[in-house]
Amino acid sequence: MMKFLSRIVFWLTGWKFVSTWPKSMKKAVLIAIPHTSNWDLLYARAAFYLMDVPVKFTIKKEVMVGPLGWLIKGLGGLAIDRKKTAGKRKQTYTELMINLLKDSDELVMMVTPEGTRSYAPRWKSGFYHIALGANVPIVVGYLDYKKKEAGIGPIIMPDGNMDAQIEEMKAFGRNVTGKYPDQGIR
């Protein structure tokens, strides 16, 4: 049903997807760039339904109640309970995400590295640490509003050289036009 609705969304709005997901890739951290609008979730989620990518994203468990919670879960939302403890201390968000990936046979976690829809000169590095800790690749997913294209960019296996690898991802993202270009990657 969601794939059918995604086709309708893309057809009505003139969007297309220009890449395919590697079928052998069962686990990854998927970064969605640039993130400049709330509309990004609609188009990104629709694109990944069309590509048959089992994308999930995390959200506070407090939001996952009632009809809104059912909708978010249907779109791939995973409730995160930060109050759970590992031993005597609270797990960090990064540790929770690493454990989710390690404990799953198939999981693609979508993250926005900017951490906001506004311009962010420095990306949050949690996505990188998650991929490194879970030993999974980072896949660059993008939405180009100028071309009305959704696709997959570079696939990078984290090697510990975080600054250089993030710069490689940003360099790719500078060629992609967000809904609000002045809030995108520079």
C-alpha atoms as a PDB file:
ATOM      1  CA  MET A   1       0.000   0.000   0.000  1.00  0.00           C
ATOM      2  CA  MET A   2       2.757   2.483   0.942  1.00  0.00           C
ATOM      3  CA  LYS A   3       4.624   1.759  -2.286  1.00  0.00           C
ATOM      4  CA  PHE A   4       1.450   2.484  -4.264  1.00  0.00           C
ATOM      5  CA  LEU A   5       0.891   5.758  -2.365  1.00  0.00           C
ATOM      6  CA  SER A   6       4.536   6.678  -2.964  1.00  0.00           C
ATOM      7  CA  ARG A   7       4.087   6.193  -6.709  1.00  0.00           C
ATOM      8  CA  ILE A   8       1.096   8.528  -6.595  1.00  0.00           C
ATOM      9  CA  VAL A   9       3.044  11.157  -4.608  1.00  0.00           C
ATOM     10  CA  PHE A  10       5.928  11.039  -7.079  1.00  0.00           C
ATOM     11  CA  TRP A  11       3.605  11.092 -10.099  1.00  0.00           C
ATOM     12  CA  LEU A  12       1.516  14.013  -8.809  1.00  0.00           C
ATOM     13  CA  THR A  13       4.541  16.096  -7.836  1.00  0.00           C
ATOM     14  CA  GLY A  14       6.771  15.224 -10.794  1.00  0.00           C
ATOM     15  CA  TRP A  15       9.510  13.601  -8.698  1.00  0.00           C
ATOM     16  CA  LYS A  16      11.567  10.603  -9.783  1.00  0.00           C
ATOM     17  CA  PHE A  17      14.162   8.410  -8.177  1.00  0.00           C
ATOM     18  CA  VAL A  18      17.385   7.954 -10.090  1.00  0.00           C
ATOM     19  CA  SER A  19      19.209   5.259  -8.146  1.00  0.00           C
ATOM     20  CA  THR A  20      18.659   1.792  -6.844  1.00  0.00           C
ATOM     21  CA  TRP A  21      19.537   0.378  -3.471  1.00  0.00           C
ATOM     22  CA  PRO A  22      22.212  -2.343  -3.512  1.00  0.00           C
ATOM     23  CA  LYS A  23      20.183  -5.521  -2.877  1.00  0.00           C
ATOM     24  CA  SER A  24      22.992  -7.112  -0.871  1.00  0.00           C
ATOM     25  CA  MET A  25      23.084  -4.214   1.613  1.00  0.00           C
ATOM     26  CA  LYS A  26      20.947  -5.232   4.579  1.00  0.00           C
ATOM     27  CA  LYS A  27      22.304  -2.835   7.219  1.00  0.00           C
ATOM     28  CA  ALA A  28      23.455   0.761   6.927  1.00  0.00           C
ATOM     29  CA  VAL A  29      23.265   4.258   8.298  1.00  0.00           C
ATOM     30  CA  LEU A  30      21.512   6.335   5.668  1.00  0.00           C
ATOM     31  CA  ILE A  31      22.109  10.054   5.853  1.00  0.00           C
ATOM     32  CA  ALA A  32      19.490  12.225   4.183  1.00  0.00           C
ATOM     33  CA  ILE A  33      20.931  15.427   2.718  1.00  0.00           C
ATOM     34  CA  PRO A  34      20.334  18.275   2.496  1.00  0.00           C
ATOM     35  CA  HIS A  35      17.708  18.619   5.207  1.00  0.00           C
ATOM     36  CA  THR A  36      16.083  22.019   4.723  1.00  0.00           C
ATOM     37  CA  SER A  37      12.341  21.321   5.001  1.00  0.00           C
ATOM     38  CA  ASN A  38       9.743  19.158   6.717  1.00  0.00           C
ATOM     39  CA  TRP A  39       8.780  18.007   3.196  1.00  0.00           C
ATOM     40  CA  ASP A  40      12.074  16.080   3.067  1.00  0.00           C
ATOM     41  CA  LEU A  41      10.589  13.217   5.102  1.00  0.00           C
ATOM     42  CA  LEU A  42       7.675  12.778   2.691  1.00  0.00           C
ATOM     43  CA  TYR A  43       9.828  12.639  -0.437  1.00  0.00           C
ATOM     44  CA  ALA A  44      12.660  10.641   1.139  1.00  0.00           C
ATOM     45  CA  ARG A  45      10.301   8.101   2.633  1.00  0.00           C
ATOM     46  CA  ALA A  46       8.384   7.778  -0.641  1.00  0.00           C
ATOM     47  CA  ALA A  47      11.636   7.291  -2.577  1.00  0.00           C
ATOM     48  CA  PHE A  48      12.820   4.563  -0.246  1.00  0.00           C
ATOM     49  CA  TYR A  49       9.468   2.763  -0.415  1.00  0.00           C
ATOM     50  CA  LEU A  50       9.846   2.795  -4.211  1.00  0.00           C
ATOM     51  CA  MET A  51      13.416   1.469  -3.924  1.00  0.00           C
ATOM     52  CA  ASP A  52      12.284  -1.255  -1.478  1.00  0.00           C
ATOM     53  CA  VAL A  53      14.635   0.021   1.224  1.00  0.00           C
ATOM     54  CA  PRO A  54      13.481  -0.901   4.755  1.00  0.00           C
ATOM     55  CA  VAL A  55      14.271   2.556   6.166  1.00  0.00           C
ATOM     56  CA  LYS A  56      13.669   3.330   9.810  1.00  0.00           C
ATOM     57  CA  PHE A  57      14.209   6.513  11.769  1.00  0.00           C
ATOM     58  CA  THR A  58      14.204   7.157  15.482  1.00  0.00           C
ATOM     59  CA  ILE A  59      11.902   9.374  17.456  1.00  0.00           C
ATOM     60  CA  LYS A  60      11.254   9.936  21.167  1.00  0.00           C
ATOM     61  CA  LYS A  61       8.895   7.299  22.542  1.00  0.00           C
ATOM     62  CA  GLU A  62       6.732  10.034  24.065  1.00  0.00           C
ATOM     63  CA  VAL A  63       5.628  11.080  20.550  1.00  0.00           C
ATOM     64  CA  MET A  64       4.604   7.547  19.587  1.00  0.00           C
ATOM     65  CA  VAL A  65       1.119   7.565  21.140  1.00  0.00           C
ATOM     66  CA  GLY A  66      -2.340   7.407  19.609  1.00  0.00           C
ATOM     67  CA  PRO A  67      -3.037   8.027  15.913  1.00  0.00           C
ATOM     68  CA  LEU A  68       0.109  10.129  15.408  1.00  0.00           C
ATOM     69  CA  GLY A  69       2.202   7.311  16.849  1.00  0.00           C
ATOM     70  CA  TRP A  70       0.552   4.771  14.543  1.00  0.00           C
ATOM     71  CA  LEU A  71       1.245   6.999  11.521  1.00  0.00           C
ATOM     72  CA  ILE A  72       4.873   7.570  12.500  1.00  0.00           C
ATOM     73  CA  LYS A  73       5.381   3.847  13.114  1.00  0.00           C
ATOM     74  CA  GLY A  74       3.849   3.095   9.709  1.00  0.00           C
ATOM     75  CA  LEU A  75       6.359   5.458   8.105  1.00  0.00           C
ATOM     76  CA  GLY A  76       9.251   3.643   9.783  1.00  0.00           C
ATOM     77  CA  GLY A  77       9.538   5.417  13.117  1.00  0.00           C
ATOM     78  CA  LEU A  78      11.216   3.511  15.936  1.00  0.00           C
ATOM     79  CA  ALA A  79      10.500   4.688  19.464  1.00  0.00           C
ATOM     80  CA  ILE A  80      13.631   5.391  21.466  1.00  0.00           C
ATOM     81  CA  ASP A  81      13.484   5.165  25.232  1.00  0.00           C
ATOM     82  CA  ARG A  82      16.479   7.056  26.575  1.00  0.00           C
ATOM     83  CA  LYS A  83      15.550   6.095  30.133  1.00  0.00           C
ATOM     84  CA  LYS A  84      16.644   2.492  29.698  1.00  0.00           C
ATOM     85  CA  THR A  85      19.917   1.717  31.359  1.00  0.00           C
ATOM     86  CA  ALA A  86      22.875  -0.422  30.426  1.00  0.00           C
ATOM     87  CA  GLY A  87      24.222  -1.419  33.802  1.00  0.00           C
ATOM     88  CA  LYS A  88      24.061   1.625  36.045  1.00  0.00           C
ATOM     89  CA  ARG A  89      24.235   4.459  33.554  1.00  0.00           C
ATOM     90  CA  LYS A  90      21.908   5.738  30.884  1.00  0.00           C
ATOM     91  CA  GLN A  91      22.865   4.649  27.346  1.00  0.00           C
ATOM     92  CA  THR A  92      23.716   7.410  24.932  1.00  0.00           C
ATOM     93  CA  TYR A  93      21.692   7.831  21.767  1.00  0.00           C
ATOM     94  CA  THR A  94      24.718   6.615  19.802  1.00  0.00           C
ATOM     95  CA  GLU A  95      24.993   3.446  21.913  1.00  0.00           C
ATOM     96  CA  LEU A  96      21.284   2.749  21.469  1.00  0.00           C
ATOM     97  CA  MET A  97      21.577   3.098  17.690  1.00  0.00           C
ATOM     98  CA  ILE A  98      24.694   0.902  17.530  1.00  0.00           C
ATOM     99  CA  ASN A  99      22.912  -1.805  19.516  1.00  0.00           C
ATOM    100  CA  LEU A 100      19.812  -1.586  17.304  1.00  0.00           C
ATOM    101  CA  LEU A 101      21.981  -2.164  14.228  1.00  0.00           C
ATOM    102  CA  LYS A 102      24.058  -4.922  15.801  1.00  0.00           C
ATOM    103  CA  ASP A 103      20.956  -6.763  17.066  1.00  0.00           C
ATOM    104  CA  SER A 104      19.132  -6.651  13.710  1.00  0.00           C
ATOM    105  CA  ASP A 105      19.543  -8.828  10.644  1.00  0.00           C
ATOM    106  CA  GLU A 106      18.219  -6.076   8.402  1.00  0.00           C
ATOM    107  CA  LEU A 107      18.054  -2.411   9.393  1.00  0.00           C
ATOM    108  CA  VAL A 108      18.687   0.842   7.570  1.00  0.00           C
ATOM    109  CA  MET A 109      18.618   3.833   9.906  1.00  0.00           C
ATOM    110  CA  MET A 110      17.925   7.243   8.345  1.00  0.00           C
ATOM    111  CA  VAL A 111      19.594  10.216  10.037  1.00  0.00           C
ATOM    112  CA  THR A 112      19.908  13.891   9.127  1.00  0.00           C
ATOM    113  CA  PRO A 113      23.511  14.866   9.868  1.00  0.00           C
ATOM    114  CA  GLU A 114      22.745  18.580  10.023  1.00  0.00           C
ATOM    115  CA  GLY A 115      20.461  17.903  12.996  1.00  0.00           C
ATOM    116  CA  THR A 116      18.222  20.793  11.924  1.00  0.00           C
ATOM    117  CA  ARG A 117      16.400  22.171   8.893  1.00  0.00           C
ATOM    118  CA  SER A 118      18.431  25.403   9.136  1.00  0.00           C
ATOM    119  CA  TYR A 119      21.944  25.926   7.827  1.00  0.00           C
ATOM    120  CA  ALA A 120      24.438  24.025   9.990  1.00  0.00           C
ATOM    121  CA  PRO A 121      28.103  24.829   9.349  1.00  0.00           C
ATOM    122  CA  ARG A 122      29.150  21.697  11.220  1.00  0.00           C
ATOM    123  CA  TRP A 123      27.380  18.358  10.973  1.00  0.00           C
ATOM    124  CA  LYS A 124      26.622  16.344  14.080  1.00  0.00           C
ATOM    125  CA  SER A 125      28.987  13.365  14.022  1.00  0.00           C
ATOM    126  CA  GLY A 126      26.767  10.796  15.771  1.00  0.00           C
ATOM    127  CA  PHE A 127      25.811   9.118  12.481  1.00  0.00           C
ATOM    128  CA  TYR A 128      29.484   8.485  11.777  1.00  0.00           C
ATOM    129  CA  HIS A 129      30.141   7.009  15.226  1.00  0.00           C
ATOM    130  CA  ILE A 130      27.034   4.825  14.900  1.00  0.00           C
ATOM    131  CA  ALA A 131      28.175   3.402  11.556  1.00  0.00           C
ATOM    132  CA  LEU A 132      31.743   2.909  12.819  1.00  0.00           C
ATOM    133  CA  GLY A 133      30.569   1.239  16.044  1.00  0.00           C
ATOM    134  CA  ALA A 134      28.097  -1.042  14.254  1.00  0.00           C
ATOM    135  CA  ASN A 135      30.560  -1.739  11.409  1.00  0.00           C
ATOM    136  CA  VAL A 136      28.060  -0.758   8.706  1.00  0.00           C
ATOM    137  CA  PRO A 137      28.390   1.564   5.705  1.00  0.00           C
ATOM    138  CA  ILE A 138      27.124   5.116   5.501  1.00  0.00           C
ATOM    139  CA  VAL A 139      24.889   5.656   2.489  1.00  0.00           C
ATOM    140  CA  VAL A 140      24.306   9.191   1.268  1.00  0.00           C
ATOM    141  CA  GLY A 141      20.672   9.638   0.273  1.00  0.00           C
ATOM    142  CA  TYR A 142      19.686  12.911  -1.330  1.00  0.00           C
ATOM    143  CA  LEU A 143      16.754  14.993  -2.481  1.00  0.00           C
ATOM    144  CA  ASP A 144      17.418  17.487  -5.267  1.00  0.00           C
ATOM    145  CA  TYR A 145      14.437  19.850  -5.401  1.00  0.00           C
ATOM    146  CA  LYS A 146      15.739  21.655  -8.492  1.00  0.00           C
ATOM    147  CA  LYS A 147      15.799  18.438 -10.529  1.00  0.00           C
ATOM    148  CA  LYS A 148      12.990  16.783  -8.505  1.00  0.00           C
ATOM    149  CA  GLU A 149      15.208  13.744  -8.036  1.00  0.00           C
ATOM    150  CA  ALA A 150      15.705  11.425  -5.101  1.00  0.00           C
ATOM    151  CA  GLY A 151      18.662   9.100  -5.103  1.00  0.00           C
ATOM    152  CA  ILE A 152      21.627   7.381  -3.575  1.00  0.00           C
ATOM    153  CA  GLY A 153      25.033   9.022  -3.637  1.00  0.00           C
ATOM    154  CA  PRO A 154      28.313   7.736  -2.257  1.00  0.00           C
ATOM    155  CA  ILE A 155      28.454   4.654  -0.046  1.00  0.00           C
ATOM    156  CA  ILE A 156      31.258   5.059   2.475  1.00  0.00           C
ATOM    157  CA  MET A 157      32.610   2.512   4.912  1.00  0.00           C
ATOM    158  CA  PRO A 158      33.821   4.467   7.942  1.00  0.00           C
ATOM    159  CA  ASP A 159      37.533   3.972   8.526  1.00  0.00           C
ATOM    160  CA  GLY A 160      38.072   6.315  11.476  1.00  0.00           C
ATOM    161  CA  ASN A 161      39.166   9.267   9.306  1.00  0.00           C
ATOM    162  CA  MET A 162      35.944  11.057  10.196  1.00  0.00           C
ATOM    163  CA  ASP A 163      36.729  14.628   9.121  1.00  0.00           C
ATOM    164  CA  ALA A 164      37.932  13.605   5.649  1.00  0.00           C
ATOM    165  CA  GLN A 165      35.041  11.207   5.088  1.00  0.00           C
ATOM    166  CA  ILE A 166      32.435  13.738   6.238  1.00  0.00           C
ATOM    167  CA  GLU A 167      34.000  16.307   3.923  1.00  0.00           C
ATOM    168  CA  GLU A 168      33.633  13.805   1.054  1.00  0.00           C
ATOM    169  CA  MET A 169      29.911  13.494   1.853  1.00  0.00           C
ATOM    170  CA  LYS A 170      29.513  17.275   2.121  1.00  0.00           C
ATOM    171  CA  ALA A 171      31.289  17.757  -1.219  1.00  0.00           C
ATOM    172  CA  PHE A 172      28.703  15.515  -2.835  1.00  0.00           C
ATOM    173  CA  GLY A 173      25.894  17.389  -1.055  1.00  0.00           C
ATOM    174  CA  ARG A 174      27.057  20.773  -2.328  1.00  0.00           C
ATOM    175  CA  ASN A 175      25.878  19.688  -5.791  1.00  0.00           C
ATOM    176  CA  VAL A 176      22.358  18.939  -4.524  1.00  0.00           C
ATOM    177  CA  THR A 177      19.695  21.644  -4.205  1.00  0.00           C
ATOM    178  CA  GLY A 178      17.522  21.510  -1.102  1.00  0.00           C
ATOM    179  CA  LYS A 179      14.011  22.958  -0.926  1.00  0.00           C
ATOM    180  CA  TYR A 180      15.524  26.045   0.696  1.00  0.00           C
ATOM    181  CA  PRO A 181      18.993  26.249  -0.913  1.00  0.00           C
ATOM    182  CA  ASP A 182      20.305  28.966   1.423  1.00  0.00           C
ATOM    183  CA  GLN A 183      19.862  26.537   4.343  1.00  0.00           C
ATOM    184  CA  GLY A 184      21.744  23.689   2.634  1.00  0.00           C
ATOM    185  CA  ILE A 185      25.328  22.463   2.656  1.00  0.00           C
ATOM    186  CA  ARG A 186      28.062  25.005   1.940  1.00  0.00           C
END
